Amino acid sequence: AQYRESGARGIILYRRNYQDPGQMRRLIGELEDGVGKRLLVCVDHEGGRVIMFRDGFTVFPDNLTFGTVGKDAYVKRQGEIEAAELRSVGVDVNFAPDLDILAERYGPALNRSYAKDPDRVSRLGATRIRAMQSGGVSATAKHFPGKCHATQDAHMKLPFIDSTMEEMRAWHLKPFVAAIEAGIDCIMTSHPCYRRIAPDMPATFSRLIVHDLLRTELGFKGCVVTDDLEMGAVKEVAPIEEAIVRAAAAGHDMF
């Protein structure tokens, strides 16, 4: 009864939760039985270093490898396979692909970006999104409005980005526009402080970035989700309880 009263509506799965496909299906089923409702099941399964499930799953190279090769057919096949494998264990939403544009200077990207060229990132990202969603898994374009030119890792501390809105529109927003045109279901925002756009706060808390730019200017109608609210970038600014309230006020749907 205590689980049914929890108000839980969704879960995110990590490496520590996974043993094999059969165990994962049982775990999700037991959780749904416990709360008495269908849960929205999410996972951060990008490929490369950022994968949550290994045994019984295809382990794909990172985005930079796909971007270097540059073949749409390979990315399309990746989206098809990951959708089939994730759906087979009960996953609804994959927090991928990463559509940040690789920076000329160092950034903590972990090879998660496809390329330095926004057109290539846009093309490959949209191809994977269409393939994944055609297979029944909602894709997530991240990290809006583009954060790969941050020189600090938001997992550790709050990064600062000095790009103007004009620079963001001309470069970093292009893959997200392409994702919206491809019918993306979800967009994940980013934690850096874009201090020439929304000073004094992470983008996660900025209504100008989440509501005015993403919702109103770009016309995105899908689900807006935060990045991990327990990262160092957010902890520097607000405790988790306040962070959720501020992210909600900015215009997020999922946390």
Protein backbone atom coordinates (compact mmCIF):
# COMPACT_ATOMS: atom_id res chain seq x y z
CA ALA A 1 0.00 0.00 0.00
CA GLN A 2 2.84 2.41 0.77
CA TYR A 3 4.12 2.12 -2.79
CA ARG A 4 0.66 2.77 -4.25
CA GLU A 5 0.52 5.99 -2.25
CA SER A 6 3.97 7.15 -3.38
CA GLY A 7 2.74 9.07 -6.39
CA ALA A 8 5.51 7.53 -8.52
CA ARG A 9 4.94 7.87 -12.26
CA GLY A 10 8.30 7.02 -13.76
CA ILE A 11 11.73 5.52 -13.17
CA ILE A 12 15.22 5.84 -14.60
CA LEU A 13 17.43 2.76 -14.77
CA TYR A 14 21.20 2.61 -14.25
CA ARG A 15 23.96 0.02 -14.61
CA ARG A 16 23.50 -1.09 -11.02
CA ASN A 17 19.88 -2.06 -11.77
CA TYR A 18 20.71 -4.32 -14.71
CA GLN A 19 21.83 -7.96 -14.80
CA ASP A 20 20.25 -9.41 -17.95
CA PRO A 21 17.12 -8.83 -20.09
CA GLY A 22 14.97 -11.30 -18.16
CA GLN A 23 15.85 -9.75 -14.79
CA MET A 24 15.12 -6.26 -16.16
CA ARG A 25 11.66 -7.25 -17.40
CA ARG A 26 10.89 -8.79 -14.00
CA LEU A 27 12.14 -5.73 -12.13
CA ILE A 28 9.96 -3.34 -14.15
CA GLY A 29 6.96 -5.64 -13.73
CA GLU A 30 7.44 -5.83 -9.97
CA LEU A 31 7.76 -2.05 -9.68
CA GLU A 32 4.59 -1.51 -11.69
CA ASP A 33 2.74 -4.08 -9.60
CA GLY A 34 3.99 -2.30 -6.48
CA VAL A 35 2.67 1.12 -7.47
CA GLY A 36 -0.42 -0.28 -9.20
CA LYS A 37 0.09 1.57 -12.47
CA ARG A 38 2.07 1.67 -15.69
CA LEU A 39 5.38 3.51 -15.18
CA LEU A 40 7.29 5.60 -17.69
CA VAL A 41 10.60 3.73 -17.95
CA CYS A 42 13.65 5.81 -18.94
CA VAL A 43 17.34 5.09 -19.46
CA ASP A 44 20.46 7.05 -20.38
CA HIS A 45 21.74 4.64 -23.07
CA GLU A 46 23.77 6.66 -25.59
CA GLY A 47 26.46 4.30 -26.84
CA GLY A 48 30.20 4.47 -26.27
CA ARG A 49 31.03 5.06 -22.60
CA VAL A 50 27.48 6.02 -21.68
CA ILE A 51 25.59 2.73 -21.75
CA MET A 52 23.50 1.23 -18.97
CA PHE A 53 22.82 -2.26 -20.36
CA ARG A 54 25.53 -4.52 -21.73
CA ASP A 55 24.86 -8.28 -21.54
CA GLY A 56 22.24 -9.15 -24.14
CA PHE A 57 22.52 -5.72 -25.80
CA THR A 58 24.45 -4.44 -28.80
CA VAL A 59 27.29 -2.21 -27.58
CA PHE A 60 27.62 0.59 -30.13
CA PRO A 61 30.60 2.92 -30.61
CA ASP A 62 30.34 6.48 -29.37
CA ASN A 63 28.81 9.30 -31.43
CA LEU A 64 32.19 10.66 -32.50
CA THR A 65 32.97 7.36 -34.24
CA PHE A 66 29.67 7.45 -36.12
CA GLY A 67 30.23 11.12 -36.92
CA THR A 68 33.73 10.50 -38.25
CA VAL A 69 32.42 7.80 -40.60
CA GLY A 70 29.44 10.03 -41.44
CA LYS A 71 27.16 7.39 -42.97
CA ASP A 72 23.44 7.91 -42.38
CA ALA A 73 22.74 4.21 -42.95
CA TYR A 74 24.89 3.20 -39.98
CA VAL A 75 23.19 5.64 -37.63
CA LYS A 76 19.76 4.58 -38.90
CA ARG A 77 20.58 0.94 -38.18
CA GLN A 78 21.80 1.86 -34.71
CA GLY A 79 18.48 3.57 -33.96
CA GLU A 80 16.52 0.57 -35.20
CA ILE A 81 18.51 -1.93 -33.15
CA GLU A 82 18.56 0.07 -29.93
CA ALA A 83 14.80 0.65 -30.17
CA ALA A 84 14.12 -3.07 -30.59
CA GLU A 85 16.44 -4.03 -27.73
CA LEU A 86 15.20 -1.36 -25.32
CA ARG A 87 11.54 -2.07 -26.06
CA SER A 88 12.13 -5.79 -25.48
CA VAL A 89 12.86 -5.13 -21.79
CA GLY A 90 10.20 -2.45 -21.31
CA VAL A 91 12.04 0.86 -21.81
CA ASP A 92 9.92 3.75 -23.10
CA VAL A 93 12.38 6.68 -23.28
CA ASN A 94 16.06 6.78 -24.17
CA PHE A 95 17.91 9.94 -23.13
CA ALA A 96 19.82 10.03 -26.43
CA PRO A 97 21.17 11.24 -28.82
CA ASP A 98 23.59 13.91 -27.67
CA LEU A 99 23.37 16.77 -30.20
CA ASP A 100 26.01 19.05 -28.70
CA ILE A 101 28.52 20.29 -31.28
CA LEU A 102 32.12 19.31 -30.62
CA ALA A 103 34.18 22.34 -29.66
CA GLU A 104 37.53 23.35 -31.11
CA ARG A 105 38.97 23.71 -27.63
CA TYR A 106 38.81 21.17 -24.84
CA GLY A 107 35.40 20.27 -23.48
CA PRO A 108 34.40 17.35 -21.23
CA ALA A 109 32.48 15.63 -24.04
CA LEU A 110 33.54 11.96 -23.57
CA ASN A 111 33.27 11.61 -27.38
CA ARG A 112 29.52 12.05 -27.02
CA SER A 113 29.32 14.56 -29.88
CA TYR A 114 29.01 13.54 -33.53
CA ALA A 115 31.15 16.31 -35.02
CA LYS A 116 32.31 19.94 -35.07
CA ASP A 117 30.05 20.58 -38.07
CA PRO A 118 26.48 21.52 -37.05
CA ASP A 119 25.07 20.25 -40.33
CA ARG A 120 26.59 16.81 -39.82
CA VAL A 121 25.38 16.69 -36.22
CA SER A 122 21.91 17.74 -37.40
CA ARG A 123 21.75 15.14 -40.16
CA LEU A 124 23.00 12.18 -38.15
CA GLY A 125 20.98 13.13 -35.08
CA ALA A 126 17.73 13.42 -37.02
CA THR A 127 18.38 10.08 -38.75
CA ARG A 128 18.87 8.27 -35.45
CA ILE A 129 15.87 9.99 -33.87
CA ARG A 130 13.54 8.92 -36.67
CA ALA A 131 14.81 5.33 -36.56
CA MET A 132 14.58 5.03 -32.78
CA GLN A 133 11.10 6.50 -32.56
CA SER A 134 9.85 4.41 -35.48
CA GLY A 135 10.83 1.42 -33.32
CA GLY A 136 8.66 2.58 -30.42
CA VAL A 137 11.20 4.26 -28.12
CA SER A 138 11.02 8.01 -27.51
CA ALA A 139 14.34 9.74 -28.24
CA THR A 140 15.75 12.73 -26.36
CA ALA A 141 17.85 15.47 -27.95
CA LYS A 142 20.34 16.95 -25.47
CA HIS A 143 21.72 19.17 -23.99
CA PHE A 144 19.67 22.21 -25.05
CA PRO A 145 20.67 24.85 -26.10
CA GLY A 146 24.12 23.23 -26.63
CA LYS A 147 26.89 22.89 -24.07
CA CYS A 148 29.91 21.23 -25.62
CA HIS A 149 31.88 24.49 -25.62
CA ALA A 150 31.83 24.57 -21.82
CA THR A 151 35.30 23.95 -20.39
CA GLN A 152 34.01 22.64 -17.06
CA ASP A 153 32.17 19.37 -16.45
CA ALA A 154 28.69 20.09 -15.07
CA HIS A 155 28.85 16.83 -13.13
CA MET A 156 31.46 18.51 -10.94
CA LYS A 157 30.77 22.25 -10.92
CA LEU A 158 28.81 25.02 -12.62
CA PRO A 159 30.21 25.78 -16.11
CA PHE A 160 29.98 29.23 -17.67
CA ILE A 161 29.43 29.85 -21.39
CA ASP A 162 29.88 33.32 -22.91
CA SER A 163 28.18 32.79 -26.28
CA THR A 164 25.57 35.35 -27.28
CA MET A 165 22.07 34.36 -28.33
CA GLU A 166 23.02 35.20 -31.92
CA GLU A 167 25.99 32.83 -31.74
CA MET A 168 23.84 30.09 -30.25
CA ARG A 169 21.23 30.46 -33.00
CA ALA A 170 23.87 30.47 -35.75
CA TRP A 171 25.65 27.37 -34.49
CA HIS A 172 24.57 25.36 -31.45
CA LEU A 173 20.79 25.46 -31.90
CA LYS A 174 20.84 24.01 -35.42
CA PRO A 175 20.79 20.30 -34.40
CA PHE A 176 17.88 20.94 -32.01
CA VAL A 177 15.90 22.65 -34.76
CA ALA A 178 16.57 19.60 -36.95
CA ALA A 179 15.48 17.29 -34.12
CA ILE A 180 12.21 19.18 -33.69
CA GLU A 181 11.60 18.98 -37.44
CA ALA A 182 12.26 15.21 -37.21
CA GLY A 183 9.50 14.88 -34.60
CA ILE A 184 11.62 14.41 -31.46
CA ASP A 185 9.54 13.42 -28.43
CA CYS A 186 11.82 14.83 -25.70
CA ILE A 187 14.47 17.51 -25.29
CA MET A 188 16.84 17.61 -22.31
CA THR A 189 18.20 20.93 -21.14
CA SER A 190 21.68 21.73 -19.85
CA HIS A 191 23.15 23.02 -16.60
CA PRO A 192 25.75 25.64 -17.70
CA CYS A 193 25.17 29.31 -16.99
CA TYR A 194 24.93 31.15 -20.34
CA ARG A 195 25.89 34.43 -18.73
CA ARG A 196 25.30 36.65 -21.79
CA ILE A 197 21.80 35.20 -22.19
CA ALA A 198 20.51 34.25 -18.73
CA PRO A 199 23.06 35.43 -16.15
CA ASP A 200 23.22 34.24 -12.55
CA MET A 201 21.62 30.82 -13.04
CA PRO A 202 22.03 27.47 -14.82
CA ALA A 203 19.99 27.14 -18.02
CA THR A 204 17.91 24.59 -16.11
CA PHE A 205 16.38 27.43 -14.09
CA SER A 206 16.00 29.91 -16.96
CA ARG A 207 12.47 30.52 -18.22
CA LEU A 208 13.98 32.57 -21.04
CA ILE A 209 15.84 29.51 -22.34
CA VAL A 210 13.28 26.80 -21.57
CA HIS A 211 9.96 28.54 -22.18
CA ASP A 212 10.73 31.55 -24.36
CA LEU A 213 13.39 30.02 -26.60
CA LEU A 214 12.53 26.30 -26.75
CA ARG A 215 8.76 26.37 -26.35
CA THR A 216 7.82 29.70 -27.93
CA GLU A 217 10.50 30.60 -30.51
CA LEU A 218 11.32 27.06 -31.67
CA GLY A 219 7.76 25.78 -31.13
CA PHE A 220 8.67 22.54 -29.37
CA LYS A 221 5.50 20.75 -28.21
CA GLY A 222 7.02 17.61 -26.66
CA CYS A 223 8.40 16.75 -23.23
CA VAL A 224 11.12 18.98 -21.75
CA VAL A 225 13.28 17.09 -19.25
CA THR A 226 16.06 18.30 -16.97
CA ASP A 227 19.51 16.80 -16.82
CA ASP A 228 20.47 15.16 -13.51
CA LEU A 229 19.50 17.59 -10.75
CA GLU A 230 22.05 16.08 -8.38
CA MET A 231 25.02 17.24 -10.47
CA GLY A 232 27.60 19.57 -8.95
CA ALA A 233 26.49 22.44 -11.22
CA VAL A 234 23.05 22.48 -9.61
CA LYS A 235 24.22 21.76 -6.08
CA GLU A 236 26.32 24.93 -6.21
CA VAL A 237 23.16 26.96 -6.73
CA ALA A 238 20.29 25.19 -4.94
CA PRO A 239 19.41 22.11 -2.87
CA ILE A 240 17.46 19.40 -4.72
CA GLU A 241 14.06 20.47 -3.34
CA GLU A 242 14.52 24.04 -4.54
CA ALA A 243 16.05 22.88 -7.83
CA ILE A 244 12.91 20.93 -8.74
CA VAL A 245 10.67 23.93 -8.00
CA ARG A 246 12.87 26.28 -10.03
CA ALA A 247 13.13 23.84 -12.96
CA ALA A 248 9.35 23.48 -12.97
CA ALA A 249 8.91 27.25 -13.01
CA ALA A 250 11.29 27.46 -16.00
CA GLY A 251 8.99 25.17 -17.98
CA HIS A 252 10.18 21.56 -17.55
CA ASP A 253 7.79 18.61 -17.64
CA MET A 254 10.03 15.90 -16.24
CA PHE A 255 12.86 16.02 -13.71
